[in-house]
Amino acid sequence: MEAPRWIDAAHIRRALSPEQARRLIREALEGDFDPAGDPARLAPVVPGGQLLIMPSSTGDSVGVKVLSVAPGNPVRGLERIQALYVLFDADTLAPSVILDGSAITSLRTPAVSAVAVDALAPPTTRTLTVFGGGPQALGHVEAVLAVRQPERVVIVTRHLDGARATARRIDELGVETTALAAEDVRVRTAVGGSEVVVTATSAGTPVLDGSWVADGACVVAIGSHEPDRRELDAALLGRSLVVVEDIGTALREAGDVVLAMGEGVLSTADLHPLKDLVTGAVGRATDRPNVFKSVGMSWEDLVIAAGVARA
């Protein structure tokens, strides 16, 4: 067997811009592909943490992402999540390309969110508030900037130093940025004045009061893919237009959705798949908030990995 080609993180970043990645995700949803047919994520528990196995096939592409989640790694100076992506020849199923899986995730998650933001956010977006200070926070700012032109970005983290560090990186993008600690009373005002709010944290309980969110605003929650963890409270889900990548996947993995349903404020009939949003079967609400809850699906990684391999 011929050795698979290796593509590292730097090559991935050069190969696809955030806007190119968004277009690939949107094109997949506009076509015949139905995310509901994507295989469920496998999550076996192993010593030291958990493995995630995410296979998919879309037309002429076949691939699988394998991740390890090791909660004890940060104190060792190692990444909590590490990943590889393997592309296979669609005919022979021979491994053809191996890619840095973490870089694929860092690119595809904001790309999927940008597809939702482009459809759910007000055309004029002056303020973007992001909860979280990690790579996904920066990635989501870049992705939103590709579809909207906010004048101001507010970064909220548990510790002010983290918010300031992320804000300095966003300043380089040419956008006025404010750093706030989560307990700062100004967070409420920032959320209430934001047309787009992104939650990209590792929190297991709500990071904001849903009553702060204005009608017509767009909220994107990407931090959890476990049914017992959430970043958004049930009250916000209950009064919002709720869009998910796929309804069946959300019922398995989206704690924000599952817990809101358990509290009786949301039903399956209230959920709209992202494909319907892209194809125009459902439109953004102006009389209530718009929530996009993402857990990350295997097909998204495959679309991005295949796009990188072709670039």
C-alpha atoms as a PDB file:
ATOM      1  CA  MET A   1       0.000   0.000   0.000  1.00  0.00           C
ATOM      2  CA  GLU A   2       1.297   3.437  -0.908  1.00  0.00           C
ATOM      3  CA  ALA A   3       1.896   5.659   2.124  1.00  0.00           C
ATOM      4  CA  PRO A   4      -0.869   8.249   2.613  1.00  0.00           C
ATOM      5  CA  ARG A   5      -0.009  11.900   2.024  1.00  0.00           C
ATOM      6  CA  TRP A   6       0.351  13.946   5.234  1.00  0.00           C
ATOM      7  CA  ILE A   7      -1.160  17.449   5.527  1.00  0.00           C
ATOM      8  CA  ASP A   8      -0.222  19.481   8.591  1.00  0.00           C
ATOM      9  CA  ALA A   9      -2.030  22.326  10.348  1.00  0.00           C
ATOM     10  CA  ALA A  10      -0.110  25.092   8.570  1.00  0.00           C
ATOM     11  CA  HIS A  11      -0.981  23.637   5.166  1.00  0.00           C
ATOM     12  CA  ILE A  12      -4.659  23.368   6.154  1.00  0.00           C
ATOM     13  CA  ARG A  13      -4.756  27.039   7.161  1.00  0.00           C
ATOM     14  CA  ARG A  14      -3.175  28.048   3.853  1.00  0.00           C
ATOM     15  CA  ALA A  15      -5.402  25.776   1.772  1.00  0.00           C
ATOM     16  CA  LEU A  16      -8.815  27.084   2.875  1.00  0.00           C
ATOM     17  CA  SER A  17      -9.861  30.485   4.184  1.00  0.00           C
ATOM     18  CA  PRO A  18     -12.765  30.751   6.647  1.00  0.00           C
ATOM     19  CA  GLU A  19     -14.940  32.037   3.791  1.00  0.00           C
ATOM     20  CA  GLN A  20     -13.973  29.157   1.484  1.00  0.00           C
ATOM     21  CA  ALA A  21     -14.754  26.692   4.257  1.00  0.00           C
ATOM     22  CA  ARG A  22     -18.169  28.292   4.799  1.00  0.00           C
ATOM     23  CA  ARG A  23     -18.973  28.005   1.105  1.00  0.00           C
ATOM     24  CA  LEU A  24     -18.055  24.304   1.054  1.00  0.00           C
ATOM     25  CA  ILE A  25     -20.387  23.595   3.982  1.00  0.00           C
ATOM     26  CA  ARG A  26     -23.200  25.596   2.399  1.00  0.00           C
ATOM     27  CA  GLU A  27     -22.753  23.897  -0.975  1.00  0.00           C
ATOM     28  CA  ALA A  28     -23.040  20.478   0.679  1.00  0.00           C
ATOM     29  CA  LEU A  29     -26.307  21.512   2.347  1.00  0.00           C
ATOM     30  CA  GLU A  30     -27.690  23.003  -0.857  1.00  0.00           C
ATOM     31  CA  GLY A  31     -27.139  19.711  -2.681  1.00  0.00           C
ATOM     32  CA  ASP A  32     -28.689  16.278  -2.321  1.00  0.00           C
ATOM     33  CA  PHE A  33     -26.741  15.333   0.809  1.00  0.00           C
ATOM     34  CA  ASP A  34     -28.899  14.875   3.922  1.00  0.00           C
ATOM     35  CA  PRO A  35     -27.077  15.212   7.286  1.00  0.00           C
ATOM     36  CA  ALA A  36     -29.691  12.932   8.855  1.00  0.00           C
ATOM     37  CA  GLY A  37     -27.962   9.985   7.168  1.00  0.00           C
ATOM     38  CA  ASP A  38     -24.603  10.702   8.790  1.00  0.00           C
ATOM     39  CA  PRO A  39     -23.383   7.900  11.118  1.00  0.00           C
ATOM     40  CA  ALA A  40     -23.639   8.638  14.828  1.00  0.00           C
ATOM     41  CA  ARG A  41     -20.476   9.661  16.639  1.00  0.00           C
ATOM     42  CA  LEU A  42     -18.891   6.825  18.660  1.00  0.00           C
ATOM     43  CA  ALA A  43     -17.508   7.790  22.066  1.00  0.00           C
ATOM     44  CA  PRO A  44     -15.871   4.890  23.916  1.00  0.00           C
ATOM     45  CA  VAL A  45     -14.392   5.623  27.336  1.00  0.00           C
ATOM     46  CA  VAL A  46     -10.742   4.630  27.723  1.00  0.00           C
ATOM     47  CA  PRO A  47      -8.186   4.999  30.526  1.00  0.00           C
ATOM     48  CA  GLY A  48      -7.318   8.675  30.784  1.00  0.00           C
ATOM     49  CA  GLY A  49     -10.383   9.939  28.986  1.00  0.00           C
ATOM     50  CA  GLN A  50     -12.419   9.255  25.880  1.00  0.00           C
ATOM     51  CA  LEU A  51     -12.039   8.505  22.193  1.00  0.00           C
ATOM     52  CA  LEU A  52     -14.340  10.002  19.583  1.00  0.00           C
ATOM     53  CA  ILE A  53     -14.721   8.247  16.231  1.00  0.00           C
ATOM     54  CA  MET A  54     -16.513  10.149  13.464  1.00  0.00           C
ATOM     55  CA  PRO A  55     -16.906   8.343  10.098  1.00  0.00           C
ATOM     56  CA  SER A  56     -18.756   9.747   7.103  1.00  0.00           C
ATOM     57  CA  SER A  57     -19.257   9.486   3.352  1.00  0.00           C
ATOM     58  CA  THR A  58     -20.602  12.173   1.036  1.00  0.00           C
ATOM     59  CA  GLY A  59     -20.811  11.352  -2.648  1.00  0.00           C
ATOM     60  CA  ASP A  60     -17.244  10.841  -3.823  1.00  0.00           C
ATOM     61  CA  SER A  61     -15.566  11.286  -0.421  1.00  0.00           C
ATOM     62  CA  VAL A  62     -15.047   8.883   2.490  1.00  0.00           C
ATOM     63  CA  GLY A  63     -13.256   9.649   5.739  1.00  0.00           C
ATOM     64  CA  VAL A  64     -13.044   9.331   9.501  1.00  0.00           C
ATOM     65  CA  LYS A  65     -11.852  11.604  12.278  1.00  0.00           C
ATOM     66  CA  VAL A  66     -10.382  10.031  15.399  1.00  0.00           C
ATOM     67  CA  LEU A  67     -10.021  12.208  18.483  1.00  0.00           C
ATOM     68  CA  SER A  68      -8.762  11.676  21.997  1.00  0.00           C
ATOM     69  CA  VAL A  69     -10.115  13.736  24.889  1.00  0.00           C
ATOM     70  CA  ALA A  70      -7.801  13.648  27.915  1.00  0.00           C
ATOM     71  CA  PRO A  71      -9.042  15.970  30.698  1.00  0.00           C
ATOM     72  CA  GLY A  72      -5.763  15.573  32.592  1.00  0.00           C
ATOM     73  CA  ASN A  73      -3.570  16.768  29.739  1.00  0.00           C
ATOM     74  CA  PRO A  74      -3.559  20.547  30.384  1.00  0.00           C
ATOM     75  CA  VAL A  75      -1.706  20.137  33.683  1.00  0.00           C
ATOM     76  CA  ARG A  76       0.894  18.129  31.754  1.00  0.00           C
ATOM     77  CA  GLY A  77       1.290  20.934  29.258  1.00  0.00           C
ATOM     78  CA  LEU A  78      -0.497  18.902  26.568  1.00  0.00           C
ATOM     79  CA  GLU A  79      -3.617  19.563  24.510  1.00  0.00           C
ATOM     80  CA  ARG A  80      -6.890  18.317  26.000  1.00  0.00           C
ATOM     81  CA  ILE A  81      -8.120  17.249  22.543  1.00  0.00           C
ATOM     82  CA  GLN A  82      -5.887  15.701  19.885  1.00  0.00           C
ATOM     83  CA  ALA A  83      -7.050  14.382  16.524  1.00  0.00           C
ATOM     84  CA  LEU A  84      -6.212  12.921  13.134  1.00  0.00           C
ATOM     85  CA  TYR A  85      -8.334  12.827  10.009  1.00  0.00           C
ATOM     86  CA  VAL A  86      -8.022  10.012   7.456  1.00  0.00           C
ATOM     87  CA  LEU A  87      -9.375  10.337   3.926  1.00  0.00           C
ATOM     88  CA  PHE A  88      -9.909   7.147   1.916  1.00  0.00           C
ATOM     89  CA  ASP A  89     -10.129   6.536  -1.796  1.00  0.00           C
ATOM     90  CA  ALA A  90     -13.874   6.299  -2.419  1.00  0.00           C
ATOM     91  CA  ASP A  91     -13.545   3.265  -4.719  1.00  0.00           C
ATOM     92  CA  THR A  92     -10.844   1.150  -3.064  1.00  0.00           C
ATOM     93  CA  LEU A  93     -11.156   2.531   0.496  1.00  0.00           C
ATOM     94  CA  ALA A  94      -7.378   2.700   0.643  1.00  0.00           C
ATOM     95  CA  PRO A  95      -6.123   5.457   3.009  1.00  0.00           C
ATOM     96  CA  SER A  96      -5.015   8.311   0.750  1.00  0.00           C
ATOM     97  CA  VAL A  97      -4.513  11.382   2.954  1.00  0.00           C
ATOM     98  CA  ILE A  98      -3.934  11.924   6.683  1.00  0.00           C
ATOM     99  CA  LEU A  99      -4.595  15.418   8.029  1.00  0.00           C
ATOM    100  CA  ASP A 100      -4.172  17.232  11.331  1.00  0.00           C
ATOM    101  CA  GLY A 101      -7.610  16.599  12.808  1.00  0.00           C
ATOM    102  CA  SER A 102      -7.508  19.463  15.301  1.00  0.00           C
ATOM    103  CA  ALA A 103      -6.854  21.939  12.491  1.00  0.00           C
ATOM    104  CA  ILE A 104      -9.780  20.484  10.536  1.00  0.00           C
ATOM    105  CA  THR A 105     -12.033  20.953  13.585  1.00  0.00           C
ATOM    106  CA  SER A 106     -10.795  24.515  14.122  1.00  0.00           C
ATOM    107  CA  LEU A 107     -11.761  25.345  10.537  1.00  0.00           C
ATOM    108  CA  ARG A 108     -15.036  23.461  10.123  1.00  0.00           C
ATOM    109  CA  THR A 109     -16.774  24.460  13.373  1.00  0.00           C
ATOM    110  CA  PRO A 110     -16.702  28.217  12.648  1.00  0.00           C
ATOM    111  CA  ALA A 111     -17.568  27.489   9.005  1.00  0.00           C
ATOM    112  CA  VAL A 112     -20.774  25.706  10.015  1.00  0.00           C
ATOM    113  CA  SER A 113     -21.607  28.495  12.456  1.00  0.00           C
ATOM    114  CA  ALA A 114     -21.013  31.116   9.751  1.00  0.00           C
ATOM    115  CA  VAL A 115     -23.554  29.391   7.510  1.00  0.00           C
ATOM    116  CA  ALA A 116     -26.104  29.734  10.312  1.00  0.00           C
ATOM    117  CA  VAL A 117     -25.102  33.299  11.201  1.00  0.00           C
ATOM    118  CA  ASP A 118     -25.417  34.400   7.580  1.00  0.00           C
ATOM    119  CA  ALA A 119     -29.051  33.244   7.604  1.00  0.00           C
ATOM    120  CA  LEU A 120     -30.044  34.058  11.197  1.00  0.00           C
ATOM    121  CA  ALA A 121     -28.265  37.317  12.093  1.00  0.00           C
ATOM    122  CA  PRO A 122     -29.637  40.773  11.272  1.00  0.00           C
ATOM    123  CA  PRO A 123     -28.154  42.201   8.059  1.00  0.00           C
ATOM    124  CA  THR A 124     -26.637  45.048  10.071  1.00  0.00           C
ATOM    125  CA  THR A 125     -24.543  43.613  12.884  1.00  0.00           C
ATOM    126  CA  ARG A 126     -22.768  46.187  15.022  1.00  0.00           C
ATOM    127  CA  THR A 127     -21.739  44.097  18.039  1.00  0.00           C
ATOM    128  CA  LEU A 128     -20.545  40.507  18.368  1.00  0.00           C
ATOM    129  CA  THR A 129     -20.144  39.042  21.856  1.00  0.00           C
ATOM    130  CA  VAL A 130     -18.153  35.826  22.281  1.00  0.00           C
ATOM    131  CA  PHE A 131     -18.034  33.749  25.453  1.00  0.00           C
ATOM    132  CA  GLY A 132     -14.749  31.826  25.550  1.00  0.00           C
ATOM    133  CA  GLY A 133     -11.105  32.586  24.880  1.00  0.00           C
ATOM    134  CA  GLY A 134      -9.800  29.529  23.062  1.00  0.00           C
ATOM    135  CA  PRO A 135      -9.088  28.823  19.390  1.00  0.00           C
ATOM    136  CA  GLN A 136     -12.795  28.471  18.625  1.00  0.00           C
ATOM    137  CA  ALA A 137     -13.453  31.974  19.951  1.00  0.00           C
ATOM    138  CA  LEU A 138     -10.923  33.474  17.554  1.00  0.00           C
ATOM    139  CA  GLY A 139     -12.091  31.205  14.740  1.00  0.00           C
ATOM    140  CA  HIS A 140     -15.680  32.309  15.190  1.00  0.00           C
ATOM    141  CA  VAL A 141     -14.747  35.987  15.104  1.00  0.00           C
ATOM    142  CA  GLU A 142     -12.954  35.397  11.800  1.00  0.00           C
ATOM    143  CA  ALA A 143     -15.918  33.430  10.458  1.00  0.00           C
ATOM    144  CA  VAL A 144     -18.481  36.071  11.458  1.00  0.00           C
ATOM    145  CA  LEU A 145     -16.318  38.797   9.909  1.00  0.00           C
ATOM    146  CA  ALA A 146     -16.624  36.942   6.599  1.00  0.00           C
ATOM    147  CA  VAL A 147     -20.443  37.329   6.565  1.00  0.00           C
ATOM    148  CA  ARG A 148     -21.083  40.450   8.674  1.00  0.00           C
ATOM    149  CA  GLN A 149     -19.176  43.647   9.529  1.00  0.00           C
ATOM    150  CA  PRO A 150     -19.436  44.180  13.291  1.00  0.00           C
ATOM    151  CA  GLU A 151     -17.941  47.409  14.578  1.00  0.00           C
ATOM    152  CA  ARG A 152     -17.187  45.934  17.976  1.00  0.00           C
ATOM    153  CA  VAL A 153     -16.310  42.538  19.455  1.00  0.00           C
ATOM    154  CA  VAL A 154     -16.706  41.745  23.165  1.00  0.00           C
ATOM    155  CA  ILE A 155     -14.785  38.775  24.572  1.00  0.00           C
ATOM    156  CA  VAL A 156     -16.047  37.259  27.836  1.00  0.00           C
ATOM    157  CA  THR A 157     -14.100  34.652  29.815  1.00  0.00           C
ATOM    158  CA  ARG A 158     -14.045  33.471  33.406  1.00  0.00           C
ATOM    159  CA  HIS A 159     -10.718  35.210  33.947  1.00  0.00           C
ATOM    160  CA  LEU A 160      -9.986  38.685  32.611  1.00  0.00           C
ATOM    161  CA  ASP A 161      -6.429  37.808  31.593  1.00  0.00           C
ATOM    162  CA  GLY A 162      -7.769  35.210  29.185  1.00  0.00           C
ATOM    163  CA  ALA A 163     -10.228  37.669  27.670  1.00  0.00           C
ATOM    164  CA  ARG A 164      -7.500  40.265  27.234  1.00  0.00           C
ATOM    165  CA  ALA A 165      -5.173  37.803  25.512  1.00  0.00           C
ATOM    166  CA  THR A 166      -7.875  36.822  23.021  1.00  0.00           C
ATOM    167  CA  ALA A 167      -8.888  40.458  22.535  1.00  0.00           C
ATOM    168  CA  ARG A 168      -5.327  41.372  21.577  1.00  0.00           C
ATOM    169  CA  ARG A 169      -5.378  38.756  18.822  1.00  0.00           C
ATOM    170  CA  ILE A 170      -8.726  40.027  17.526  1.00  0.00           C
ATOM    171  CA  ASP A 171      -7.430  43.603  17.536  1.00  0.00           C
ATOM    172  CA  GLU A 172      -5.043  42.476  14.807  1.00  0.00           C
ATOM    173  CA  LEU A 173      -8.108  41.830  12.605  1.00  0.00           C
ATOM    174  CA  GLY A 174      -8.897  45.541  12.730  1.00  0.00           C
ATOM    175  CA  VAL A 175     -11.988  45.392  14.949  1.00  0.00           C
ATOM    176  CA  GLU A 176     -12.450  47.290  18.202  1.00  0.00           C
ATOM    177  CA  THR A 177     -12.385  44.658  20.953  1.00  0.00           C
ATOM    178  CA  THR A 178     -13.388  44.779  24.614  1.00  0.00           C
ATOM    179  CA  ALA A 179     -12.374  42.169  27.203  1.00  0.00           C
ATOM    180  CA  LEU A 180     -14.684  41.382  30.119  1.00  0.00           C
ATOM    181  CA  ALA A 181     -14.608  38.866  32.954  1.00  0.00           C
ATOM    182  CA  ALA A 182     -17.744  36.736  33.198  1.00  0.00           C
ATOM    183  CA  GLU A 183     -18.853  38.314  36.488  1.00  0.00           C
ATOM    184  CA  ASP A 184     -18.576  41.885  35.138  1.00  0.00           C
ATOM    185  CA  VAL A 185     -21.970  43.627  35.265  1.00  0.00           C
ATOM    186  CA  ARG A 186     -21.297  45.035  31.789  1.00  0.00           C
ATOM    187  CA  VAL A 187     -21.690  41.559  30.271  1.00  0.00           C
ATOM    188  CA  ARG A 188     -25.476  41.880  30.475  1.00  0.00           C
ATOM    189  CA  THR A 189     -25.416  45.151  28.541  1.00  0.00           C
ATOM    190  CA  ALA A 190     -23.024  43.696  25.970  1.00  0.00           C
ATOM    191  CA  VAL A 191     -25.260  40.686  25.334  1.00  0.00           C
ATOM    192  CA  GLY A 192     -28.398  42.821  25.173  1.00  0.00           C
ATOM    193  CA  GLY A 193     -26.799  45.082  22.579  1.00  0.00           C
ATOM    194  CA  SER A 194     -25.365  42.290  20.443  1.00  0.00           C
ATOM    195  CA  GLU A 195     -26.852  41.156  17.159  1.00  0.00           C
ATOM    196  CA  VAL A 196     -24.689  38.013  17.333  1.00  0.00           C
ATOM    197  CA  VAL A 197     -23.673  36.079  20.463  1.00  0.00           C
ATOM    198  CA  VAL A 198     -21.371  33.047  20.360  1.00  0.00           C
ATOM    199  CA  THR A 199     -20.790  30.656  23.252  1.00  0.00           C
ATOM    200  CA  ALA A 200     -17.597  28.649  22.761  1.00  0.00           C
ATOM    201  CA  THR A 201     -16.784  27.385  26.238  1.00  0.00           C
ATOM    202  CA  SER A 202     -16.273  24.128  28.094  1.00  0.00           C
ATOM    203  CA  ALA A 203     -18.990  25.060  30.607  1.00  0.00           C
ATOM    204  CA  GLY A 204     -21.583  22.535  31.703  1.00  0.00           C
ATOM    205  CA  THR A 205     -24.079  25.125  32.960  1.00  0.00           C
ATOM    206  CA  PRO A 206     -25.468  28.272  31.282  1.00  0.00           C
ATOM    207  CA  VAL A 207     -22.917  31.034  30.746  1.00  0.00           C
ATOM    208  CA  LEU A 208     -25.482  33.813  30.305  1.00  0.00           C
ATOM    209  CA  ASP A 209     -29.033  34.703  31.274  1.00  0.00           C
ATOM    210  CA  GLY A 210     -31.193  34.077  28.220  1.00  0.00           C
ATOM    211  CA  SER A 211     -33.450  37.012  29.078  1.00  0.00           C
ATOM    212  CA  TRP A 212     -30.579  39.332  28.126  1.00  0.00           C
ATOM    213  CA  VAL A 213     -30.755  38.329  24.453  1.00  0.00           C
ATOM    214  CA  ALA A 214     -32.698  40.713  22.211  1.00  0.00           C
ATOM    215  CA  ASP A 215     -35.439  39.623  19.835  1.00  0.00           C
ATOM    216  CA  GLY A 216     -34.039  39.129  16.343  1.00  0.00           C
ATOM    217  CA  ALA A 217     -30.517  38.452  17.605  1.00  0.00           C
ATOM    218  CA  CYS A 218     -28.602  35.300  16.648  1.00  0.00           C
ATOM    219  CA  VAL A 219     -27.040  33.060  19.313  1.00  0.00           C
ATOM    220  CA  VAL A 220     -24.610  30.305  18.320  1.00  0.00           C
ATOM    221  CA  ALA A 221     -23.759  27.649  20.940  1.00  0.00           C
ATOM    222  CA  ILE A 222     -20.913  25.279  20.041  1.00  0.00           C
ATOM    223  CA  GLY A 223     -19.278  24.339  23.332  1.00  0.00           C
ATOM    224  CA  SER A 224     -20.881  21.001  24.191  1.00  0.00           C
ATOM    225  CA  HIS A 225     -21.826  17.742  22.474  1.00  0.00           C
ATOM    226  CA  GLU A 226     -23.019  15.915  25.585  1.00  0.00           C
ATOM    227  CA  PRO A 227     -26.696  15.529  26.575  1.00  0.00           C
ATOM    228  CA  ASP A 228     -26.157  16.598  30.203  1.00  0.00           C
ATOM    229  CA  ARG A 229     -24.169  19.797  29.528  1.00  0.00           C
ATOM    230  CA  ARG A 230     -25.310  23.147  28.188  1.00  0.00           C
ATOM    231  CA  GLU A 231     -24.229  26.751  27.691  1.00  0.00           C
ATOM    232  CA  LEU A 232     -27.746  28.194  27.193  1.00  0.00           C
ATOM    233  CA  ASP A 233     -30.660  28.125  29.634  1.00  0.00           C
ATOM    234  CA  ALA A 234     -33.994  26.519  28.884  1.00  0.00           C
ATOM    235  CA  ALA A 235     -35.846  29.832  28.922  1.00  0.00           C
ATOM    236  CA  LEU A 236     -33.818  31.116  25.957  1.00  0.00           C
ATOM    237  CA  LEU A 237     -34.401  27.936  23.945  1.00  0.00           C
ATOM    238  CA  GLY A 238     -38.095  28.056  24.788  1.00  0.00           C
ATOM    239  CA  ARG A 239     -38.618  31.549  23.373  1.00  0.00           C
ATOM    240  CA  SER A 240     -36.370  31.222  20.327  1.00  0.00           C
ATOM    241  CA  LEU A 241     -36.374  29.893  16.790  1.00  0.00           C
ATOM    242  CA  VAL A 242     -34.073  26.890  17.279  1.00  0.00           C
ATOM    243  CA  VAL A 243     -31.925  25.524  14.460  1.00  0.00           C
ATOM    244  CA  VAL A 244     -29.749  22.406  14.781  1.00  0.00           C
ATOM    245  CA  GLU A 245     -27.491  20.560  12.364  1.00  0.00           C
ATOM    246  CA  ASP A 246     -29.766  17.516  12.437  1.00  0.00           C
ATOM    247  CA  ILE A 247     -32.726  16.805  14.698  1.00  0.00           C
ATOM    248  CA  GLY A 248     -31.786  13.204  15.552  1.00  0.00           C
ATOM    249  CA  THR A 249     -28.220  14.201  16.371  1.00  0.00           C
ATOM    250  CA  ALA A 250     -29.409  17.078  18.543  1.00  0.00           C
ATOM    251  CA  LEU A 251     -31.707  14.769  20.510  1.00  0.00           C
ATOM    252  CA  ARG A 252     -28.714  12.498  21.233  1.00  0.00           C
ATOM    253  CA  GLU A 253     -25.985  15.027  21.907  1.00  0.00           C
ATOM    254  CA  ALA A 254     -27.153  18.629  22.317  1.00  0.00           C
ATOM    255  CA  GLY A 255     -27.547  19.176  26.042  1.00  0.00           C
ATOM    256  CA  ASP A 256     -28.925  22.683  25.498  1.00  0.00           C
ATOM    257  CA  VAL A 257     -31.788  21.084  23.542  1.00  0.00           C
ATOM    258  CA  VAL A 258     -32.190  17.890  25.586  1.00  0.00           C
ATOM    259  CA  LEU A 259     -32.332  19.694  28.940  1.00  0.00           C
ATOM    260  CA  ALA A 260     -34.736  22.345  27.653  1.00  0.00           C
ATOM    261  CA  MET A 261     -37.031  19.574  26.428  1.00  0.00           C
ATOM    262  CA  GLY A 262     -36.747  17.896  29.814  1.00  0.00           C
ATOM    263  CA  GLU A 263     -37.943  21.132  31.411  1.00  0.00           C
ATOM    264  CA  GLY A 264     -40.972  21.162  29.111  1.00  0.00           C
ATOM    265  CA  VAL A 265     -40.255  24.383  27.223  1.00  0.00           C
ATOM    266  CA  LEU A 266     -39.156  22.831  23.920  1.00  0.00           C
ATOM    267  CA  SER A 267     -40.372  19.977  21.738  1.00  0.00           C
ATOM    268  CA  THR A 268     -39.037  18.108  18.722  1.00  0.00           C
ATOM    269  CA  ALA A 269     -41.492  20.031  16.555  1.00  0.00           C
ATOM    270  CA  ASP A 270     -39.719  23.257  17.565  1.00  0.00           C
ATOM    271  CA  LEU A 271     -36.406  22.141  16.022  1.00  0.00           C
ATOM    272  CA  HIS A 272     -35.388  23.082  12.492  1.00  0.00           C
ATOM    273  CA  PRO A 273     -32.498  21.411  10.625  1.00  0.00           C
ATOM    274  CA  LEU A 274     -29.764  23.624   9.202  1.00  0.00           C
ATOM    275  CA  LYS A 275     -30.443  22.276   5.705  1.00  0.00           C
ATOM    276  CA  ASP A 276     -33.956  23.777   5.833  1.00  0.00           C
ATOM    277  CA  LEU A 277     -32.464  27.130   6.796  1.00  0.00           C
ATOM    278  CA  VAL A 278     -30.009  27.022   3.887  1.00  0.00           C
ATOM    279  CA  THR A 279     -32.616  25.971   1.325  1.00  0.00           C
ATOM    280  CA  GLY A 280     -35.109  28.595   2.497  1.00  0.00           C
ATOM    281  CA  ALA A 281     -37.678  26.252   4.010  1.00  0.00           C
ATOM    282  CA  VAL A 282     -37.364  28.210   7.268  1.00  0.00           C
ATOM    283  CA  GLY A 283     -36.313  31.821   7.791  1.00  0.00           C
ATOM    284  CA  ARG A 284     -34.934  33.905  10.651  1.00  0.00           C
ATOM    285  CA  ALA A 285     -37.263  35.301  13.282  1.00  0.00           C
ATOM    286  CA  THR A 286     -37.446  38.999  14.075  1.00  0.00           C
ATOM    287  CA  ASP A 287     -39.907  38.787  16.970  1.00  0.00           C
ATOM    288  CA  ARG A 288     -37.763  36.429  19.071  1.00  0.00           C
ATOM    289  CA  PRO A 289     -34.118  35.301  19.281  1.00  0.00           C
ATOM    290  CA  ASN A 290     -32.627  32.857  16.786  1.00  0.00           C
ATOM    291  CA  VAL A 291     -30.531  30.047  18.291  1.00  0.00           C
ATOM    292  CA  PHE A 292     -28.204  27.732  16.388  1.00  0.00           C
ATOM    293  CA  LYS A 293     -27.054  24.806  18.528  1.00  0.00           C
ATOM    294  CA  SER A 294     -24.146  22.898  16.993  1.00  0.00           C
ATOM    295  CA  VAL A 295     -22.533  19.694  18.242  1.00  0.00           C
ATOM    296  CA  GLY A 296     -20.270  19.013  15.265  1.00  0.00           C
ATOM    297  CA  MET A 297     -21.048  16.241  12.776  1.00  0.00           C
ATOM    298  CA  SER A 298     -18.836  13.864  10.843  1.00  0.00           C
ATOM    299  CA  TRP A 299     -19.920  15.055   7.392  1.00  0.00           C
ATOM    300  CA  GLU A 300     -18.683  18.559   8.159  1.00  0.00           C
ATOM    301  CA  ASP A 301     -15.152  17.332   8.839  1.00  0.00           C
ATOM    302  CA  LEU A 302     -15.238  15.262   5.661  1.00  0.00           C
ATOM    303  CA  VAL A 303     -16.328  18.204   3.510  1.00  0.00           C
ATOM    304  CA  ILE A 304     -13.485  20.356   4.867  1.00  0.00           C
ATOM    305  CA  ALA A 305     -10.856  17.596   4.748  1.00  0.00           C
ATOM    306  CA  ALA A 306     -11.750  16.763   1.151  1.00  0.00           C
ATOM    307  CA  GLY A 307     -11.649  20.449   0.252  1.00  0.00           C
ATOM    308  CA  VAL A 308      -8.179  20.812   1.762  1.00  0.00           C
ATOM    309  CA  ALA A 309      -6.947  17.705  -0.066  1.00  0.00           C
ATOM    310  CA  ARG A 310      -8.189  19.115  -3.392  1.00  0.00           C
ATOM    311  CA  ALA A 311      -6.738  22.600  -2.845  1.00  0.00           C
END
